[in-house]
């Protein structure tokens, strides 16, 4: 029978290869059975160069021996796409670069997965960086891969799904002694990648273990009973080293409202933000609001507002969206509402039209409060300058300066004067004197966390760069880098980018290369 099938395939290939060479594609050959291999190998040997063969080997148990169909093949390892390649791949589908970058991270550079995720995103606006939905077909395949894993690797992945940012070291600390081997099994199944977005070649050390796509963690948790998840969170709380992570696991193990736990979570969130862990801090603020009983209603709205403000400069869009729905139902004050709307404008990739809508609503929320109105006008001034409309930027900033002076807010007035100085410089206005007044009002320090690029000190260093006072700018930005390293990632990226620009012009070649590589890591 196998000989008959081989002859039939040979006859078919002879027919179609009379005019041109034929390329035979075998996908997922790890599942190739011996009989099919014999049939394909029979036809290949008899047709020689008239038939080429390309075989792909995907995740699975692998093949025990070389099948007859696969002899005399050159092995080629296909690397995942780089970020720029994924952006180019998805650009014809109409996805902005920021959205394509997020898809790249979720797909770990795998083209087919990136296309599937992009297809699910195409009909959805990119407002607030919507989480990448998981197509049903992809979810079904991933669920099957999860269920096909041996029990031990699946248990290790479950713990990874419950951790804030899982690493092999954390998994070992939680009791998974064979975590390295378990993670390698998951890598072979195409379920996790390392923190750089490349498939793990070596799961040792403290490298981050990241699900791909990210929603796979939710799929795994959906397969696990709630009581089991709660018990594991209790275990992970005992094994946690940092108080913030311990508080997080305790809260996730017990969903009941508790005033003492809510306050503990808020304190842990402040500590995590101060240590630079903004995504963890934002999650803790949201958990604090969720665990707050009715008598902490005022604190609940403030925690949600602070959580959104903490998450937005780091572009943690899923956390922002999760907190936003609860915030709108928390009876916030006008000031909290304006703060949240202004924070939304800090999310990377928000379209200009969306920013206009958000700021228009924020102005309505501000009412007749001079300080709140000035905050909105200041953001409008920054957006206008970003869009190369310096005249409007000056008008908005001057209005903000006047209102903030009337309100007695020197910190806010310094920020508004900084924006005004930047706009004046475009049009030849008194930018140096205006910025000097801003620096005087602001005093020492790098500025508000996440908004260092709008601070007087930052702008003064930029002006020094524009004026070719390179060593002054170099010293200022290096001092600033030490102040922002543990803050919002956007702050560090801005300062590193400036150091690259200044250093390249000043001849600090070796430092420039180091700062550029570091900026790329922070930006990603």
Protein backbone atom coordinates (compact mmCIF):
# COMPACT_ATOMS: atom_id res chain seq x y z
CA UNK A 1 0.00 0.00 0.00
CA UNK A 2 2.79 2.42 0.88
CA UNK A 3 4.54 1.71 -2.46
CA UNK A 4 1.27 2.35 -4.30
CA UNK A 5 0.77 5.63 -2.48
CA UNK A 6 4.38 6.60 -3.20
CA UNK A 7 3.94 5.92 -6.92
CA UNK A 8 0.70 7.94 -6.96
CA UNK A 9 2.40 10.93 -5.32
CA UNK A 10 5.34 10.56 -7.73
CA UNK A 11 2.97 10.63 -10.73
CA UNK A 12 1.20 13.73 -9.40
CA UNK A 13 4.46 15.56 -8.80
CA UNK A 14 5.77 14.55 -12.26
CA UNK A 15 2.65 16.06 -13.79
CA UNK A 16 2.81 19.40 -11.99
CA UNK A 17 6.60 19.75 -12.36
CA UNK A 18 6.69 19.47 -16.16
CA UNK A 19 6.69 23.26 -16.66
CA UNK A 20 8.54 24.42 -13.55
CA UNK A 21 10.18 23.16 -10.42
CA UNK A 22 7.84 22.25 -7.55
CA UNK A 23 8.33 23.17 -3.90
CA UNK A 24 6.76 20.78 -1.39
CA UNK A 25 5.99 22.27 2.03
CA UNK A 26 5.67 20.11 5.14
CA UNK A 27 4.46 22.01 8.21
CA UNK A 28 4.87 20.81 11.83
CA UNK A 29 6.93 17.76 10.91
CA UNK A 30 7.32 16.90 14.59
CA UNK A 31 3.95 15.20 14.07
CA UNK A 32 4.97 13.45 10.85
CA UNK A 33 4.07 9.77 11.01
CA UNK A 34 6.40 7.10 9.61
CA UNK A 35 4.02 6.01 6.85
CA UNK A 36 3.63 9.53 5.42
CA UNK A 37 7.39 9.97 5.60
CA UNK A 38 7.94 6.84 3.53
CA UNK A 39 5.46 8.02 0.87
CA UNK A 40 7.03 11.48 0.53
CA UNK A 41 10.56 10.07 0.62
CA UNK A 42 9.72 7.56 -2.16
CA UNK A 43 8.58 10.35 -4.51
CA UNK A 44 11.47 12.69 -3.62
CA UNK A 45 14.18 10.16 -4.40
CA UNK A 46 12.77 9.45 -7.85
CA UNK A 47 12.23 13.04 -8.97
CA UNK A 48 15.54 14.55 -7.86
CA UNK A 49 15.95 18.27 -8.45
CA UNK A 50 12.50 18.65 -9.99
CA UNK A 51 10.99 18.73 -6.46
CA UNK A 52 12.31 20.82 -3.57
CA UNK A 53 11.27 20.35 0.05
CA UNK A 54 10.87 22.80 2.94
CA UNK A 55 9.91 21.37 6.32
CA UNK A 56 9.04 23.36 9.46
CA UNK A 57 9.56 21.99 12.94
CA UNK A 58 7.24 23.51 15.55
CA UNK A 59 6.71 22.98 19.29
CA UNK A 60 5.87 19.43 20.29
CA UNK A 61 7.49 16.19 21.38
CA UNK A 62 9.86 16.19 18.40
CA UNK A 63 10.73 13.33 16.07
CA UNK A 64 12.68 10.36 17.39
CA UNK A 65 14.67 9.60 14.24
CA UNK A 66 15.24 11.10 10.79
CA UNK A 67 12.21 10.16 8.65
CA UNK A 68 12.80 9.15 5.07
CA UNK A 69 11.17 12.33 3.81
CA UNK A 70 13.66 14.60 5.61
CA UNK A 71 17.06 13.30 4.50
CA UNK A 72 19.55 15.65 2.83
CA UNK A 73 17.99 18.84 4.21
CA UNK A 74 19.89 21.88 5.46
CA UNK A 75 18.85 22.88 9.00
CA UNK A 76 18.03 26.58 9.29
CA UNK A 77 16.99 28.20 12.57
CA UNK A 78 14.54 31.03 11.87
CA UNK A 79 14.94 33.83 14.46
CA UNK A 80 11.96 35.89 15.63
CA UNK A 81 11.37 39.23 13.94
CA UNK A 82 12.98 42.36 15.32
CA UNK A 83 10.69 45.19 16.44
CA UNK A 84 11.26 47.21 13.26
CA UNK A 85 10.48 44.16 11.11
CA UNK A 86 7.20 43.56 12.94
CA UNK A 87 6.25 47.22 12.52
CA UNK A 88 6.96 46.95 8.77
CA UNK A 89 4.95 43.72 8.60
CA UNK A 90 1.89 45.28 10.26
CA UNK A 91 2.04 48.76 8.71
CA UNK A 92 0.00 47.70 5.61
CA UNK A 93 -2.76 46.63 8.01
CA UNK A 94 -3.05 50.19 9.28
CA UNK A 95 -1.56 49.64 12.73
CA UNK A 96 0.36 52.62 14.18
CA UNK A 97 3.93 51.93 15.20
CA UNK A 98 3.11 52.06 18.93
CA UNK A 99 0.36 49.47 18.56
CA UNK A 100 2.53 47.29 16.32
CA UNK A 101 5.28 47.43 18.94
CA UNK A 102 2.85 46.16 21.59
CA UNK A 103 1.77 43.36 19.25
CA UNK A 104 5.44 42.50 18.69
CA UNK A 105 5.99 42.06 22.43
CA UNK A 106 2.87 39.91 22.74
CA UNK A 107 3.81 37.78 19.74
CA UNK A 108 7.50 37.54 20.70
CA UNK A 109 8.40 38.29 17.09
CA UNK A 110 6.55 35.30 15.64
CA UNK A 111 5.07 36.57 12.34
CA UNK A 112 1.99 34.32 12.21
CA UNK A 113 1.01 35.19 15.79
CA UNK A 114 1.65 38.89 15.17
CA UNK A 115 -0.63 38.83 12.12
CA UNK A 116 -3.36 37.00 14.05
CA UNK A 117 -3.22 39.48 16.94
CA UNK A 118 -3.10 42.43 14.54
CA UNK A 119 -6.17 41.11 12.74
CA UNK A 120 -8.05 41.07 16.04
CA UNK A 121 -6.97 44.68 16.71
CA UNK A 122 -7.70 46.23 13.34
CA UNK A 123 -11.33 47.14 14.00
CA UNK A 124 -10.65 48.57 17.45
CA UNK A 125 -9.43 52.10 18.12
CA UNK A 126 -5.99 52.43 19.63
CA UNK A 127 -7.34 54.74 22.37
CA UNK A 128 -5.55 54.14 25.66
CA UNK A 129 -3.66 51.26 24.10
CA UNK A 130 -6.38 48.64 24.26
CA UNK A 131 -5.05 45.24 25.35
CA UNK A 132 -4.39 42.93 22.44
CA UNK A 133 -7.35 40.56 22.21
CA UNK A 134 -6.68 36.87 21.76
CA UNK A 135 -8.41 35.35 18.71
CA UNK A 136 -10.50 32.30 19.54
CA UNK A 137 -8.49 30.07 17.21
CA UNK A 138 -5.20 31.09 18.85
CA UNK A 139 -6.63 30.69 22.34
CA UNK A 140 -7.82 27.17 21.47
CA UNK A 141 -4.37 26.15 20.24
CA UNK A 142 -2.64 27.62 23.30
CA UNK A 143 -5.12 25.98 25.64
CA UNK A 144 -4.39 22.62 24.01
CA UNK A 145 -0.64 23.21 24.41
CA UNK A 146 -1.12 24.04 28.09
CA UNK A 147 -3.17 20.91 28.71
CA UNK A 148 -0.61 18.81 26.82
CA UNK A 149 2.21 19.88 29.15
CA UNK A 150 3.37 17.41 31.80
CA UNK A 151 2.02 18.16 35.28
CA UNK A 152 5.24 19.60 36.74
CA UNK A 153 5.91 22.24 34.03
CA UNK A 154 2.23 23.19 34.06
CA UNK A 155 2.38 23.72 37.84
CA UNK A 156 5.47 25.91 37.44
CA UNK A 157 3.73 27.99 34.77
CA UNK A 158 0.72 28.40 37.05
CA UNK A 159 2.92 29.93 39.73
CA UNK A 160 4.53 32.14 37.10
CA UNK A 161 1.07 33.38 36.08
CA UNK A 162 0.37 34.38 39.70
CA UNK A 163 3.65 36.28 40.21
CA UNK A 164 3.90 39.97 39.38
CA UNK A 165 6.99 39.61 37.18
CA UNK A 166 8.13 35.99 37.32
CA UNK A 167 11.75 34.91 37.10
CA UNK A 168 13.35 31.49 37.34
CA UNK A 169 14.85 32.53 40.69
CA UNK A 170 11.43 33.46 42.09
CA UNK A 171 9.97 30.17 40.91
CA UNK A 172 12.73 28.25 42.64
CA UNK A 173 12.21 30.27 45.81
CA UNK A 174 8.51 29.38 45.74
CA UNK A 175 9.36 25.68 45.85
CA UNK A 176 9.73 24.79 42.18
CA UNK A 177 13.22 23.27 42.46
CA UNK A 178 13.25 22.13 38.81
CA UNK A 179 12.06 25.53 37.55
CA UNK A 180 14.82 25.79 34.93
CA UNK A 181 13.88 22.51 33.28
CA UNK A 182 10.15 23.26 33.54
CA UNK A 183 10.65 26.62 31.83
CA UNK A 184 12.66 24.98 29.04
CA UNK A 185 9.75 22.60 28.44
CA UNK A 186 7.39 25.59 28.24
CA UNK A 187 9.76 27.34 25.82
CA UNK A 188 9.80 24.24 23.61
CA UNK A 189 6.00 24.35 23.60
CA UNK A 190 6.07 27.99 22.46
CA UNK A 191 4.37 29.30 25.61
CA UNK A 192 6.95 31.61 27.21
CA UNK A 193 9.83 33.85 26.17
CA UNK A 194 12.45 35.76 28.06
CA UNK A 195 12.12 39.40 29.07
CA UNK A 196 13.81 40.62 25.87
CA UNK A 197 11.13 39.04 23.71
CA UNK A 198 13.42 36.28 22.37
CA UNK A 199 12.85 32.62 23.02
CA UNK A 200 14.88 31.40 25.97
CA UNK A 201 17.97 29.47 25.02
CA UNK A 202 19.02 29.21 28.66
CA UNK A 203 16.44 29.46 31.43
CA UNK A 204 19.03 29.76 34.20
CA UNK A 205 19.76 32.86 36.25
CA UNK A 206 17.26 35.58 37.07
CA UNK A 207 15.89 36.25 33.60
CA UNK A 208 12.24 37.23 33.40
CA UNK A 209 9.83 34.56 32.20
CA UNK A 210 7.12 36.11 30.05
CA UNK A 211 4.04 34.45 28.59
CA UNK A 212 3.48 34.88 24.89
CA UNK A 213 0.99 36.16 24.19
CA UNK A 214 0.54 37.88 27.56
CA UNK A 215 -3.13 36.84 27.73
CA UNK A 216 -1.96 33.23 27.97
CA UNK A 217 -1.51 33.77 31.71
CA UNK A 218 -5.24 34.52 31.97
CA UNK A 219 -6.05 31.39 29.98
CA UNK A 220 -4.01 29.33 32.44
CA UNK A 221 -5.65 30.95 35.45
CA UNK A 222 -9.11 30.32 33.98
CA UNK A 223 -8.25 26.61 33.94
CA UNK A 224 -7.46 26.71 37.68
CA UNK A 225 -10.16 26.68 40.41
CA UNK A 226 -10.37 29.84 42.52
CA UNK A 227 -9.61 27.97 45.75
CA UNK A 228 -6.41 26.58 44.24
CA UNK A 229 -5.32 30.05 43.09
CA UNK A 230 -5.97 31.49 46.56
CA UNK A 231 -3.93 28.73 48.23
CA UNK A 232 -1.02 29.33 45.87
CA UNK A 233 -1.13 33.09 46.54
CA UNK A 234 -0.81 32.29 50.27
CA UNK A 235 2.26 30.16 49.54
CA UNK A 236 3.77 32.84 47.34
CA UNK A 237 3.18 35.46 50.03
CA UNK A 238 5.25 33.39 52.45
CA UNK A 239 8.06 33.07 49.89
CA UNK A 240 8.03 36.75 48.80
CA UNK A 241 11.08 38.83 49.65
CA UNK A 242 9.70 42.31 49.05
CA UNK A 243 6.88 43.61 51.32
CA UNK A 244 5.05 45.01 48.29
CA UNK A 245 4.87 41.60 46.60
CA UNK A 246 3.87 39.96 49.89
CA UNK A 247 0.98 42.41 50.29
CA UNK A 248 -0.08 41.81 46.68
CA UNK A 249 -0.31 38.03 47.16
CA UNK A 250 -2.19 38.41 50.43
CA UNK A 251 -4.75 40.68 48.75
CA UNK A 252 -5.21 38.33 45.80
CA UNK A 253 -5.65 35.38 48.15
CA UNK A 254 -8.49 37.10 50.04
CA UNK A 255 -10.86 39.32 47.98
CA UNK A 256 -12.90 40.51 51.00
CA UNK A 257 -12.88 44.26 51.86
CA UNK A 258 -10.57 44.98 54.81
CA UNK A 259 -9.54 48.44 55.95
CA UNK A 260 -6.21 47.31 57.42
CA UNK A 261 -5.22 45.43 54.27
CA UNK A 262 -6.32 48.32 52.03
CA UNK A 263 -4.10 50.75 53.95
CA UNK A 264 -1.22 48.28 53.91
CA UNK A 265 -1.54 47.96 50.14
CA UNK A 266 -1.56 51.74 49.68
CA UNK A 267 1.58 52.08 51.83
CA UNK A 268 3.24 49.27 49.84
CA UNK A 269 2.25 51.03 46.62
CA UNK A 270 3.96 54.25 47.72
CA UNK A 271 7.11 52.31 48.62
CA UNK A 272 7.08 50.43 45.30
CA UNK A 273 6.68 53.68 43.33
CA UNK A 274 9.57 55.25 45.23
CA UNK A 275 11.69 52.20 44.36
CA UNK A 276 10.88 52.56 40.65
CA UNK A 277 8.45 49.62 40.36
CA UNK A 278 5.64 51.71 38.89
CA UNK A 279 3.64 48.88 37.37
CA UNK A 280 3.63 47.02 40.70
CA UNK A 281 2.78 50.27 42.52
CA UNK A 282 -0.14 50.96 40.20
CA UNK A 283 -1.49 47.42 40.67
CA UNK A 284 -1.21 47.80 44.46
CA UNK A 285 -3.10 51.11 44.40
CA UNK A 286 -5.90 49.45 42.42
CA UNK A 287 -5.93 46.49 44.82
CA UNK A 288 -6.07 48.90 47.78
CA UNK A 289 -9.14 50.56 46.24
CA UNK A 290 -10.72 47.17 45.56
CA UNK A 291 -10.19 46.00 49.17
CA UNK A 292 -11.39 49.31 50.69
CA UNK A 293 -14.65 49.02 52.69
CA UNK A 294 -17.43 51.61 52.39
CA UNK A 295 -16.05 53.88 55.13
CA UNK A 296 -12.88 54.43 53.04
CA UNK A 297 -14.75 55.76 50.00
CA UNK A 298 -12.72 58.98 49.90
CA UNK A 299 -9.43 57.11 50.10
CA UNK A 300 -10.64 54.67 47.44
CA UNK A 301 -11.11 57.43 44.83
CA UNK A 302 -7.69 58.89 45.68
CA UNK A 303 -5.98 55.51 45.41
CA UNK A 304 -7.53 54.90 42.00
CA UNK A 305 -6.52 58.37 40.79
CA UNK A 306 -2.97 57.89 42.06
CA UNK A 307 -2.84 54.43 40.51
CA UNK A 308 -3.72 55.86 37.10
CA UNK A 309 -1.21 58.70 37.51
CA UNK A 310 1.44 56.14 38.48
CA UNK A 311 0.75 53.79 35.57
CA UNK A 312 0.30 56.28 32.73
CA UNK A 313 3.86 57.74 32.44
CA UNK A 314 5.22 54.17 32.23
CA UNK A 315 2.63 53.36 29.55
CA UNK A 316 1.11 50.51 31.60
CA UNK A 317 -2.09 50.70 29.60
CA UNK A 318 -3.83 47.60 30.92
CA UNK A 319 -3.49 48.85 34.50
CA UNK A 320 -4.84 52.26 33.48
CA UNK A 321 -7.87 50.76 31.79
CA UNK A 322 -8.56 48.46 34.73
CA UNK A 323 -8.51 51.35 37.20
CA UNK A 324 -10.40 53.81 35.01
CA UNK A 325 -13.72 51.95 35.04
CA UNK A 326 -13.72 51.80 38.85
CA UNK A 327 -12.57 55.41 39.19
CA UNK A 328 -15.55 56.78 37.27
CA UNK A 329 -17.87 54.99 39.74
CA UNK A 330 -15.98 56.14 42.85
CA UNK A 331 -17.54 59.63 43.14
CA UNK A 332 -14.21 61.43 42.58
CA UNK A 333 -13.66 65.12 43.24
CA UNK A 334 -13.19 67.58 40.41
CA UNK A 335 -9.46 67.76 41.15
CA UNK A 336 -9.10 63.96 41.04
CA UNK A 337 -11.03 63.81 37.77
CA UNK A 338 -8.86 66.48 36.13
CA UNK A 339 -5.69 64.76 37.36
CA UNK A 340 -6.83 61.47 35.83
CA UNK A 341 -7.75 63.03 32.51
CA UNK A 342 -4.39 64.76 32.29
CA UNK A 343 -2.66 61.48 33.14
CA UNK A 344 -4.45 59.78 30.24
CA UNK A 345 -2.84 62.28 27.89
CA UNK A 346 0.58 60.94 28.97
CA UNK A 347 -0.08 57.49 27.48
CA UNK A 348 2.14 56.83 24.49
CA UNK A 349 0.35 56.44 21.19
CA UNK A 350 -2.78 58.42 22.02
CA UNK A 351 -3.98 60.04 18.76
CA UNK A 352 -4.02 63.86 18.65
CA UNK A 353 -7.79 63.92 18.20
CA UNK A 354 -8.21 61.80 21.30
CA UNK A 355 -6.01 64.19 23.31
CA UNK A 356 -8.18 67.12 22.22
CA UNK A 357 -11.32 65.30 23.37
CA UNK A 358 -9.78 64.33 26.71
CA UNK A 359 -8.56 67.87 27.39
CA UNK A 360 -11.89 69.41 26.38
CA UNK A 361 -13.70 67.24 28.91
CA UNK A 362 -11.01 67.99 31.53
CA UNK A 363 -11.59 71.72 31.06
CA UNK A 364 -15.30 71.21 31.69
CA UNK A 365 -14.48 69.19 34.83
CA UNK A 366 -12.22 71.99 36.08
CA UNK A 367 -15.17 74.38 36.31
CA UNK A 368 -14.17 77.76 37.74
CA UNK A 369 -11.23 76.50 39.80
CA UNK A 370 -8.28 78.63 38.62
CA UNK A 371 -5.67 76.01 39.45
CA UNK A 372 -7.46 73.16 37.70
CA UNK A 373 -8.20 75.28 34.64
CA UNK A 374 -4.52 76.26 34.52
CA UNK A 375 -3.46 72.58 34.66
CA UNK A 376 -5.57 71.86 31.59
CA UNK A 377 -4.34 74.96 29.76
CA UNK A 378 -0.75 73.96 30.50
CA UNK A 379 -1.31 70.53 28.98
CA UNK A 380 -2.92 72.16 25.94
CA UNK A 381 0.17 74.38 25.62
CA UNK A 382 2.46 71.34 25.63
CA UNK A 383 0.34 69.53 23.04
CA UNK A 384 0.29 72.62 20.80
CA UNK A 385 4.08 72.87 20.94
CA UNK A 386 4.40 69.14 20.21
CA UNK A 387 2.23 69.71 17.12
CA UNK A 388 4.35 72.71 15.97
CA UNK A 389 1.81 75.41 16.89
CA UNK A 390 3.99 77.76 18.98
CA UNK A 391 1.62 80.76 18.85
CA UNK A 392 -1.18 78.77 20.44
CA UNK A 393 1.28 77.23 22.89
CA UNK A 394 2.32 80.72 24.04
CA UNK A 395 -1.27 81.85 24.43
CA UNK A 396 -2.25 78.83 26.55
CA UNK A 397 0.90 79.00 28.68
CA UNK A 398 0.47 82.72 29.38
CA UNK A 399 -3.10 82.08 30.53
CA UNK A 400 -1.87 79.25 32.78
CA UNK A 401 0.86 81.45 34.30
CA UNK A 402 -1.67 84.15 35.15
CA UNK A 403 -4.17 81.74 36.72
CA UNK A 404 -1.52 79.90 38.75
CA UNK A 405 -0.12 83.20 40.01
CA UNK A 406 -3.62 84.13 41.13
CA UNK A 407 -3.92 80.75 42.87
CA UNK A 408 -0.53 81.14 44.60
CA UNK A 409 0.82 77.88 43.13
CA UNK A 410 4.56 78.49 42.59
CA UNK A 411 5.27 74.89 41.54
CA UNK A 412 2.59 75.00 38.87
CA UNK A 413 3.71 78.46 37.76
CA UNK A 414 7.26 77.18 37.30
CA UNK A 415 5.95 74.40 35.04
CA UNK A 416 3.87 76.87 33.01
CA UNK A 417 6.80 79.28 32.66
CA UNK A 418 8.93 76.38 31.40
CA UNK A 419 6.40 75.62 28.65
CA UNK A 420 6.21 79.32 27.85
CA UNK A 421 10.01 79.57 27.57
CA UNK A 422 10.11 76.61 25.17
CA UNK A 423 7.46 78.23 22.97
CA UNK A 424 9.15 81.64 23.14
CA UNK A 425 12.38 80.09 21.88
CA UNK A 426 10.61 78.99 18.70
CA UNK A 427 9.55 82.54 17.92
CA UNK A 428 12.42 84.57 19.36
CA UNK A 429 10.71 85.68 22.56
CA UNK A 430 12.35 86.32 25.97
CA UNK A 431 12.98 82.63 26.60
CA UNK A 432 16.12 82.90 28.76
CA UNK A 433 14.58 85.32 31.27
CA UNK A 434 11.36 83.30 31.37
CA UNK A 435 13.19 80.06 32.01
CA UNK A 436 15.42 81.65 34.66
CA UNK A 437 12.28 82.70 36.55
CA UNK A 438 10.93 79.14 36.26
CA UNK A 439 14.15 77.66 37.66
CA UNK A 440 14.04 80.14 40.55
CA UNK A 441 10.45 79.20 41.43
CA UNK A 442 10.99 75.45 41.10
CA UNK A 443 14.13 75.14 43.21
CA UNK A 444 16.42 72.06 43.11
CA UNK A 445 15.26 68.61 42.08
CA UNK A 446 14.39 66.82 38.83
CA UNK A 447 10.68 67.70 38.81
CA UNK A 448 7.53 65.62 39.07
CA UNK A 449 7.97 61.88 38.64
CA UNK A 450 7.14 60.94 35.07
CA UNK A 451 7.24 64.57 33.88
CA UNK A 452 10.94 65.40 34.16
CA UNK A 453 11.01 66.39 30.49
CA UNK A 454 8.68 69.31 31.34
CA UNK A 455 10.70 70.55 34.33
CA UNK A 456 12.68 73.82 34.40
CA UNK A 457 15.98 72.03 35.14
CA UNK A 458 15.55 69.70 32.18
CA UNK A 459 14.65 72.57 29.85
CA UNK A 460 17.60 74.62 31.09
CA UNK A 461 19.92 71.74 30.16
CA UNK A 462 18.23 71.49 26.75
CA UNK A 463 18.74 75.22 26.17
CA UNK A 464 22.43 74.79 27.05
CA UNK A 465 22.61 72.05 24.40
CA UNK A 466 20.88 74.23 21.80
CA UNK A 467 23.36 77.03 22.56
CA UNK A 468 26.39 74.70 22.23
CA UNK A 469 27.24 74.96 25.93
CA UNK A 470 27.92 71.25 25.71
CA UNK A 471 29.87 70.57 28.90
CA UNK A 472 27.23 72.44 30.93
CA UNK A 473 24.48 70.35 29.33
CA UNK A 474 26.51 67.13 29.74
CA UNK A 475 27.06 67.75 33.46
CA UNK A 476 23.42 68.72 34.04
CA UNK A 477 21.99 65.64 32.33
CA UNK A 478 24.43 63.27 34.07
CA UNK A 479 23.41 64.68 37.44
CA UNK A 480 19.76 64.37 36.41
CA UNK A 481 20.21 60.72 35.39
CA UNK A 482 21.18 59.79 38.94
CA UNK A 483 17.94 61.38 40.17
CA UNK A 484 15.58 59.63 37.73
CA UNK A 485 17.02 56.11 37.56
CA UNK A 486 14.48 54.73 40.03
CA UNK A 487 11.54 56.77 38.79
CA UNK A 488 9.29 56.52 35.75
CA UNK A 489 10.86 54.81 32.76
CA UNK A 490 9.93 57.74 30.54
CA UNK A 491 12.08 60.06 32.66
CA UNK A 492 15.14 57.86 32.31
CA UNK A 493 14.56 57.44 28.56
CA UNK A 494 14.33 61.21 28.06
CA UNK A 495 17.52 61.92 30.01
CA UNK A 496 19.45 59.10 28.31
CA UNK A 497 18.36 60.34 24.90
CA UNK A 498 19.64 63.82 25.78
CA UNK A 499 22.97 62.39 26.94
CA UNK A 500 23.32 60.60 23.60
CA UNK A 501 22.63 63.84 21.69
CA UNK A 502 24.96 65.98 23.79
CA UNK A 503 27.69 63.34 24.05
CA UNK A 504 27.73 62.70 20.31
CA UNK A 505 28.31 66.39 19.63
CA UNK A 506 30.82 66.76 22.46
CA UNK A 507 32.90 63.74 21.46
CA UNK A 508 32.10 61.39 24.36
CA UNK A 509 31.93 58.40 22.00
CA UNK A 510 32.23 55.46 24.39
CA UNK A 511 29.70 56.89 26.85
CA UNK A 512 27.31 57.65 23.99
CA UNK A 513 27.27 54.00 22.87
CA UNK A 514 26.59 52.84 26.43
CA UNK A 515 23.84 55.41 26.99
CA UNK A 516 22.22 54.60 23.64
CA UNK A 517 22.07 50.87 24.43
CA UNK A 518 20.65 51.64 27.86
CA UNK A 519 18.05 54.01 26.39
CA UNK A 520 16.93 51.29 23.98
CA UNK A 521 16.46 48.84 26.87
CA UNK A 522 14.52 51.34 28.96
CA UNK A 523 12.37 52.38 26.01
CA UNK A 524 11.46 48.78 25.20
